[in-house]
């Protein structure tokens, strides 16, 4: 795990050296395009390298959060539209191989119409989940403007909090990551359990239908 994080740290540092603030938008965009590039490293390093280490004011944190949320928004658009345009046709053609029916896709769309705003907003402040929420939102064809609004609004406090931690801790910002890291595994574990339950339930349902 440490080796992977060091690899990410080298990339982030090099991007910031080369691009400065646009690098925050770029890296946060990658994270939100359903590519697991951890914002838990991107934003604290921005708070440290782009603000604290340069002796800039804490007011710059608001700008850092804006760039972080903007990057999340732009990256989310990519994942959203790919899922919006290609997700349903793929599920219609291959859904049975991943145990998803068209009826369930329709149900997911209805669910997102009712609860999508809360799901998108809340997920933007959760590790792991925040990276992939754009995919089901696109497949369920959630309203694009609502999706965009709640993505930005949910991403802003997340980006601000992480940048603030990096700013306050300075070169010891890794201490914040040490505190946050234990939460990554339970959340990932919950996702695995939910997916395993879904697969078990679907196989059981399909077999019951076949016996009728």
C-alpha atoms as a PDB file:
ATOM      1  CA  UNK A   1       0.000   0.000   0.000  1.00  0.00           C
ATOM      2  CA  UNK A   2       2.796   2.432   0.916  1.00  0.00           C
ATOM      3  CA  UNK A   3       4.492   1.778  -2.424  1.00  0.00           C
ATOM      4  CA  UNK A   4       1.330   2.647  -4.340  1.00  0.00           C
ATOM      5  CA  UNK A   5       0.773   5.806  -2.334  1.00  0.00           C
ATOM      6  CA  UNK A   6       4.381   6.905  -2.909  1.00  0.00           C
ATOM      7  CA  UNK A   7       3.831   6.406  -6.632  1.00  0.00           C
ATOM      8  CA  UNK A   8       0.746   8.628  -6.476  1.00  0.00           C
ATOM      9  CA  UNK A   9       2.643  11.207  -4.415  1.00  0.00           C
ATOM     10  CA  UNK A  10       5.421  11.418  -7.005  1.00  0.00           C
ATOM     11  CA  UNK A  11       2.875  11.969  -9.792  1.00  0.00           C
ATOM     12  CA  UNK A  12       0.970  14.635  -7.834  1.00  0.00           C
ATOM     13  CA  UNK A  13       4.129  16.489  -6.870  1.00  0.00           C
ATOM     14  CA  UNK A  14       5.396  16.492 -10.455  1.00  0.00           C
ATOM     15  CA  UNK A  15       2.030  17.703 -11.773  1.00  0.00           C
ATOM     16  CA  UNK A  16       1.931  20.555  -9.255  1.00  0.00           C
ATOM     17  CA  UNK A  17       5.509  21.539 -10.078  1.00  0.00           C
ATOM     18  CA  UNK A  18       4.645  21.659 -13.770  1.00  0.00           C
ATOM     19  CA  UNK A  19       1.098  23.033 -13.744  1.00  0.00           C
ATOM     20  CA  UNK A  20       0.320  24.630 -10.393  1.00  0.00           C
ATOM     21  CA  UNK A  21      -3.400  25.147  -9.764  1.00  0.00           C
ATOM     22  CA  UNK A  22      -4.582  23.730 -13.102  1.00  0.00           C
ATOM     23  CA  UNK A  23      -2.961  20.512 -11.891  1.00  0.00           C
ATOM     24  CA  UNK A  24      -5.522  20.336  -9.079  1.00  0.00           C
ATOM     25  CA  UNK A  25      -8.357  20.532 -11.615  1.00  0.00           C
ATOM     26  CA  UNK A  26      -6.648  17.951 -13.806  1.00  0.00           C
ATOM     27  CA  UNK A  27      -5.992  15.418 -11.035  1.00  0.00           C
ATOM     28  CA  UNK A  28      -9.388  15.812  -9.380  1.00  0.00           C
ATOM     29  CA  UNK A  29     -10.934  15.397 -12.826  1.00  0.00           C
ATOM     30  CA  UNK A  30      -9.128  12.085 -13.226  1.00  0.00           C
ATOM     31  CA  UNK A  31     -10.437  10.921  -9.848  1.00  0.00           C
ATOM     32  CA  UNK A  32     -14.038  11.778 -10.749  1.00  0.00           C
ATOM     33  CA  UNK A  33     -13.855  10.126 -14.164  1.00  0.00           C
ATOM     34  CA  UNK A  34     -14.228   6.783 -12.327  1.00  0.00           C
ATOM     35  CA  UNK A  35     -10.441   6.355 -12.152  1.00  0.00           C
ATOM     36  CA  UNK A  36      -9.303   5.616  -8.572  1.00  0.00           C
ATOM     37  CA  UNK A  37      -6.788   8.446  -8.124  1.00  0.00           C
ATOM     38  CA  UNK A  38      -7.206   9.392  -4.441  1.00  0.00           C
ATOM     39  CA  UNK A  39      -8.336  12.920  -3.617  1.00  0.00           C
ATOM     40  CA  UNK A  40      -7.152  12.093  -0.082  1.00  0.00           C
ATOM     41  CA  UNK A  41      -3.669  12.708  -1.494  1.00  0.00           C
ATOM     42  CA  UNK A  42      -4.429  15.323  -4.162  1.00  0.00           C
ATOM     43  CA  UNK A  43      -6.073  17.969  -1.981  1.00  0.00           C
ATOM     44  CA  UNK A  44      -3.860  17.801   1.147  1.00  0.00           C
ATOM     45  CA  UNK A  45      -0.806  18.159  -1.079  1.00  0.00           C
ATOM     46  CA  UNK A  46      -2.461  21.193  -2.693  1.00  0.00           C
ATOM     47  CA  UNK A  47      -2.983  22.710   0.752  1.00  0.00           C
ATOM     48  CA  UNK A  48       0.650  22.129   1.588  1.00  0.00           C
ATOM     49  CA  UNK A  49       2.645  22.576  -1.631  1.00  0.00           C
ATOM     50  CA  UNK A  50       0.507  25.233  -3.337  1.00  0.00           C
ATOM     51  CA  UNK A  51      -0.485  27.281  -0.268  1.00  0.00           C
ATOM     52  CA  UNK A  52       1.334  26.618   3.028  1.00  0.00           C
ATOM     53  CA  UNK A  53       4.807  26.003   1.591  1.00  0.00           C
ATOM     54  CA  UNK A  54       4.551  29.247  -0.410  1.00  0.00           C
ATOM     55  CA  UNK A  55       3.511  31.248   2.640  1.00  0.00           C
ATOM     56  CA  UNK A  56       0.126  32.158   1.185  1.00  0.00           C
ATOM     57  CA  UNK A  57      -2.945  33.066   3.236  1.00  0.00           C
ATOM     58  CA  UNK A  58      -5.458  30.525   4.521  1.00  0.00           C
ATOM     59  CA  UNK A  59      -8.022  32.327   2.364  1.00  0.00           C
ATOM     60  CA  UNK A  60      -6.447  30.521  -0.580  1.00  0.00           C
ATOM     61  CA  UNK A  61      -8.064  27.349   0.732  1.00  0.00           C
ATOM     62  CA  UNK A  62     -11.413  28.528  -0.625  1.00  0.00           C
ATOM     63  CA  UNK A  63      -9.868  28.753  -4.071  1.00  0.00           C
ATOM     64  CA  UNK A  64      -8.246  25.347  -3.631  1.00  0.00           C
ATOM     65  CA  UNK A  65     -11.658  23.873  -2.789  1.00  0.00           C
ATOM     66  CA  UNK A  66     -13.151  25.562  -5.854  1.00  0.00           C
ATOM     67  CA  UNK A  67     -10.507  24.052  -8.137  1.00  0.00           C
ATOM     68  CA  UNK A  68     -10.963  20.656  -6.496  1.00  0.00           C
ATOM     69  CA  UNK A  69     -14.741  20.743  -6.906  1.00  0.00           C
ATOM     70  CA  UNK A  70     -14.395  22.020 -10.480  1.00  0.00           C
ATOM     71  CA  UNK A  71     -12.106  19.128 -11.331  1.00  0.00           C
ATOM     72  CA  UNK A  72     -14.568  16.696  -9.776  1.00  0.00           C
ATOM     73  CA  UNK A  73     -17.379  18.228 -11.796  1.00  0.00           C
ATOM     74  CA  UNK A  74     -15.524  18.021 -15.116  1.00  0.00           C
ATOM     75  CA  UNK A  75     -14.384  14.452 -14.503  1.00  0.00           C
ATOM     76  CA  UNK A  76     -17.877  13.460 -13.420  1.00  0.00           C
ATOM     77  CA  UNK A  77     -19.289  14.789 -16.667  1.00  0.00           C
ATOM     78  CA  UNK A  78     -17.048  12.387 -18.585  1.00  0.00           C
ATOM     79  CA  UNK A  79     -18.133   9.359 -16.545  1.00  0.00           C
ATOM     80  CA  UNK A  80     -21.772  10.491 -16.538  1.00  0.00           C
ATOM     81  CA  UNK A  81     -22.073  10.920 -20.307  1.00  0.00           C
ATOM     82  CA  UNK A  82     -20.221   7.716 -21.136  1.00  0.00           C
ATOM     83  CA  UNK A  83     -22.582   5.848 -18.804  1.00  0.00           C
ATOM     84  CA  UNK A  84     -25.591   7.798 -20.086  1.00  0.00           C
ATOM     85  CA  UNK A  85     -24.869   7.036 -23.741  1.00  0.00           C
ATOM     86  CA  UNK A  86     -23.351   3.581 -23.486  1.00  0.00           C
ATOM     87  CA  UNK A  87     -24.481   2.109 -20.193  1.00  0.00           C
ATOM     88  CA  UNK A  88     -28.034   1.160 -21.109  1.00  0.00           C
ATOM     89  CA  UNK A  89     -27.203  -0.409 -24.496  1.00  0.00           C
ATOM     90  CA  UNK A  90     -24.449  -2.463 -22.879  1.00  0.00           C
ATOM     91  CA  UNK A  91     -26.715  -3.586 -20.039  1.00  0.00           C
ATOM     92  CA  UNK A  92     -29.481  -4.407 -22.500  1.00  0.00           C
ATOM     93  CA  UNK A  93     -27.105  -6.568 -24.519  1.00  0.00           C
ATOM     94  CA  UNK A  94     -24.919  -8.029 -21.794  1.00  0.00           C
ATOM     95  CA  UNK A  95     -26.850  -7.345 -18.604  1.00  0.00           C
ATOM     96  CA  UNK A  96     -27.835 -10.974 -18.160  1.00  0.00           C
ATOM     97  CA  UNK A  97     -24.161 -11.900 -17.881  1.00  0.00           C
ATOM     98  CA  UNK A  98     -23.767  -9.575 -14.885  1.00  0.00           C
ATOM     99  CA  UNK A  99     -27.183 -10.528 -13.496  1.00  0.00           C
ATOM    100  CA  UNK A 100     -28.876  -7.189 -14.242  1.00  0.00           C
ATOM    101  CA  UNK A 101     -32.221  -7.033 -16.049  1.00  0.00           C
ATOM    102  CA  UNK A 102     -33.718  -4.155 -17.993  1.00  0.00           C
ATOM    103  CA  UNK A 103     -36.496  -3.979 -15.413  1.00  0.00           C
ATOM    104  CA  UNK A 104     -33.925  -3.376 -12.696  1.00  0.00           C
ATOM    105  CA  UNK A 105     -32.302  -0.627 -14.755  1.00  0.00           C
ATOM    106  CA  UNK A 106     -35.729   1.011 -15.036  1.00  0.00           C
ATOM    107  CA  UNK A 107     -36.174   0.665 -11.280  1.00  0.00           C
ATOM    108  CA  UNK A 108     -32.780   2.274 -10.709  1.00  0.00           C
ATOM    109  CA  UNK A 109     -33.834   5.187 -12.902  1.00  0.00           C
ATOM    110  CA  UNK A 110     -36.993   5.663 -10.834  1.00  0.00           C
ATOM    111  CA  UNK A 111     -34.914   5.493  -7.644  1.00  0.00           C
ATOM    112  CA  UNK A 112     -32.506   8.151  -8.889  1.00  0.00           C
ATOM    113  CA  UNK A 113     -35.425  10.390  -9.801  1.00  0.00           C
ATOM    114  CA  UNK A 114     -36.544  10.255  -6.165  1.00  0.00           C
ATOM    115  CA  UNK A 115     -33.266  10.068  -4.258  1.00  0.00           C
ATOM    116  CA  UNK A 116     -30.526  10.842  -6.771  1.00  0.00           C
ATOM    117  CA  UNK A 117     -29.789  14.327  -5.453  1.00  0.00           C
ATOM    118  CA  UNK A 118     -29.139  13.049  -1.928  1.00  0.00           C
ATOM    119  CA  UNK A 119     -27.159  10.044  -3.215  1.00  0.00           C
ATOM    120  CA  UNK A 120     -24.854  12.172  -5.367  1.00  0.00           C
ATOM    121  CA  UNK A 121     -24.387  14.866  -2.707  1.00  0.00           C
ATOM    122  CA  UNK A 122     -23.654  12.434   0.138  1.00  0.00           C
ATOM    123  CA  UNK A 123     -21.418  10.150  -1.927  1.00  0.00           C
ATOM    124  CA  UNK A 124     -19.128  13.057  -2.832  1.00  0.00           C
ATOM    125  CA  UNK A 125     -18.072  13.154   0.805  1.00  0.00           C
ATOM    126  CA  UNK A 126     -17.336   9.429   1.104  1.00  0.00           C
ATOM    127  CA  UNK A 127     -14.022   7.752   0.195  1.00  0.00           C
ATOM    128  CA  UNK A 128     -14.158   5.151  -2.591  1.00  0.00           C
ATOM    129  CA  UNK A 129     -17.877   5.660  -3.346  1.00  0.00           C
ATOM    130  CA  UNK A 130     -17.345   9.238  -4.562  1.00  0.00           C
ATOM    131  CA  UNK A 131     -15.176   8.036  -7.427  1.00  0.00           C
ATOM    132  CA  UNK A 132     -17.860   5.874  -9.026  1.00  0.00           C
ATOM    133  CA  UNK A 133     -21.253   7.493  -8.280  1.00  0.00           C
ATOM    134  CA  UNK A 134     -21.312   9.132 -11.726  1.00  0.00           C
ATOM    135  CA  UNK A 135     -21.657   5.748 -13.419  1.00  0.00           C
ATOM    136  CA  UNK A 136     -25.015   4.666 -11.916  1.00  0.00           C
ATOM    137  CA  UNK A 137     -26.243   8.264 -12.148  1.00  0.00           C
ATOM    138  CA  UNK A 138     -25.545   8.236 -15.891  1.00  0.00           C
ATOM    139  CA  UNK A 139     -27.030   4.793 -16.473  1.00  0.00           C
ATOM    140  CA  UNK A 140     -30.156   5.824 -14.539  1.00  0.00           C
ATOM    141  CA  UNK A 141     -30.260   9.037 -16.605  1.00  0.00           C
ATOM    142  CA  UNK A 142     -30.437  11.358 -13.651  1.00  0.00           C
ATOM    143  CA  UNK A 143     -31.176  14.943 -14.654  1.00  0.00           C
ATOM    144  CA  UNK A 144     -27.849  16.354 -15.851  1.00  0.00           C
ATOM    145  CA  UNK A 145     -28.145  19.793 -14.237  1.00  0.00           C
ATOM    146  CA  UNK A 146     -29.200  18.374 -10.882  1.00  0.00           C
ATOM    147  CA  UNK A 147     -26.354  15.879 -11.115  1.00  0.00           C
ATOM    148  CA  UNK A 148     -23.902  18.691 -11.855  1.00  0.00           C
ATOM    149  CA  UNK A 149     -25.170  20.926  -9.042  1.00  0.00           C
ATOM    150  CA  UNK A 150     -25.054  18.244  -6.344  1.00  0.00           C
ATOM    151  CA  UNK A 151     -21.703  16.973  -7.582  1.00  0.00           C
ATOM    152  CA  UNK A 152     -20.116  20.411  -7.203  1.00  0.00           C
ATOM    153  CA  UNK A 153     -21.845  21.214  -3.900  1.00  0.00           C
ATOM    154  CA  UNK A 154     -20.872  17.836  -2.417  1.00  0.00           C
ATOM    155  CA  UNK A 155     -17.302  17.996  -3.705  1.00  0.00           C
ATOM    156  CA  UNK A 156     -16.587  21.482  -2.355  1.00  0.00           C
ATOM    157  CA  UNK A 157     -16.590  20.737   1.417  1.00  0.00           C
ATOM    158  CA  UNK A 158     -14.678  17.500   0.800  1.00  0.00           C
ATOM    159  CA  UNK A 159     -11.987  19.381  -1.130  1.00  0.00           C
ATOM    160  CA  UNK A 160     -11.926  22.210   1.404  1.00  0.00           C
ATOM    161  CA  UNK A 161     -11.518  19.888   4.377  1.00  0.00           C
ATOM    162  CA  UNK A 162      -8.669  17.957   2.792  1.00  0.00           C
ATOM    163  CA  UNK A 163      -6.870  21.103   1.643  1.00  0.00           C
ATOM    164  CA  UNK A 164      -7.275  22.611   5.110  1.00  0.00           C
ATOM    165  CA  UNK A 165      -5.721  19.507   6.670  1.00  0.00           C
ATOM    166  CA  UNK A 166      -2.714  19.750   4.356  1.00  0.00           C
ATOM    167  CA  UNK A 167      -2.380  23.480   5.058  1.00  0.00           C
ATOM    168  CA  UNK A 168      -2.494  23.103   8.841  1.00  0.00           C
ATOM    169  CA  UNK A 169      -0.226  20.070   9.026  1.00  0.00           C
ATOM    170  CA  UNK A 170       2.271  21.278   6.431  1.00  0.00           C
ATOM    171  CA  UNK A 171       4.956  18.713   5.664  1.00  0.00           C
ATOM    172  CA  UNK A 172       3.361  16.460   8.296  1.00  0.00           C
ATOM    173  CA  UNK A 173       0.135  16.265   6.282  1.00  0.00           C
ATOM    174  CA  UNK A 174       0.651  12.483   6.029  1.00  0.00           C
ATOM    175  CA  UNK A 175      -0.631  12.327   9.619  1.00  0.00           C
ATOM    176  CA  UNK A 176      -4.101  13.158   8.299  1.00  0.00           C
ATOM    177  CA  UNK A 177      -3.888  10.320   5.803  1.00  0.00           C
ATOM    178  CA  UNK A 178      -2.942   7.969   8.637  1.00  0.00           C
ATOM    179  CA  UNK A 179      -6.159   8.945  10.398  1.00  0.00           C
ATOM    180  CA  UNK A 180      -8.325   8.564   7.280  1.00  0.00           C
ATOM    181  CA  UNK A 181      -6.836   5.365   5.885  1.00  0.00           C
ATOM    182  CA  UNK A 182      -8.606   2.968   8.302  1.00  0.00           C
ATOM    183  CA  UNK A 183     -11.951   4.212   6.987  1.00  0.00           C
ATOM    184  CA  UNK A 184     -11.115   3.226   3.397  1.00  0.00           C
ATOM    185  CA  UNK A 185     -11.152  -0.491   4.125  1.00  0.00           C
ATOM    186  CA  UNK A 186     -14.509  -0.677   5.970  1.00  0.00           C
ATOM    187  CA  UNK A 187     -16.196   1.295   3.205  1.00  0.00           C
ATOM    188  CA  UNK A 188     -14.623  -0.904   0.533  1.00  0.00           C
ATOM    189  CA  UNK A 189     -15.642  -3.957   2.585  1.00  0.00           C
ATOM    190  CA  UNK A 190     -19.240  -2.770   2.765  1.00  0.00           C
ATOM    191  CA  UNK A 191     -19.294  -2.315  -1.002  1.00  0.00           C
ATOM    192  CA  UNK A 192     -17.937  -5.841  -1.504  1.00  0.00           C
ATOM    193  CA  UNK A 193     -20.539  -7.285   0.865  1.00  0.00           C
ATOM    194  CA  UNK A 194     -23.358  -5.442  -0.911  1.00  0.00           C
ATOM    195  CA  UNK A 195     -22.143  -6.612  -4.325  1.00  0.00           C
ATOM    196  CA  UNK A 196     -21.780 -10.205  -3.053  1.00  0.00           C
ATOM    197  CA  UNK A 197     -25.307 -10.086  -1.588  1.00  0.00           C
ATOM    198  CA  UNK A 198     -26.643  -8.736  -4.868  1.00  0.00           C
ATOM    199  CA  UNK A 199     -24.982 -11.504  -6.888  1.00  0.00           C
ATOM    200  CA  UNK A 200     -26.222 -14.189  -4.492  1.00  0.00           C
ATOM    201  CA  UNK A 201     -29.743 -12.774  -4.530  1.00  0.00           C
ATOM    202  CA  UNK A 202     -29.790 -12.525  -8.329  1.00  0.00           C
ATOM    203  CA  UNK A 203     -28.526 -16.073  -8.860  1.00  0.00           C
ATOM    204  CA  UNK A 204     -31.114 -17.353  -6.393  1.00  0.00           C
ATOM    205  CA  UNK A 205     -33.894 -15.440  -8.145  1.00  0.00           C
ATOM    206  CA  UNK A 206     -32.863 -16.541 -11.622  1.00  0.00           C
ATOM    207  CA  UNK A 207     -32.671 -20.191 -10.571  1.00  0.00           C
ATOM    208  CA  UNK A 208     -36.105 -19.964  -8.961  1.00  0.00           C
ATOM    209  CA  UNK A 209     -37.528 -18.534 -12.178  1.00  0.00           C
ATOM    210  CA  UNK A 210     -35.919 -21.309 -14.214  1.00  0.00           C
ATOM    211  CA  UNK A 211     -37.557 -23.990 -12.046  1.00  0.00           C
ATOM    212  CA  UNK A 212     -41.028 -22.570 -12.628  1.00  0.00           C
END
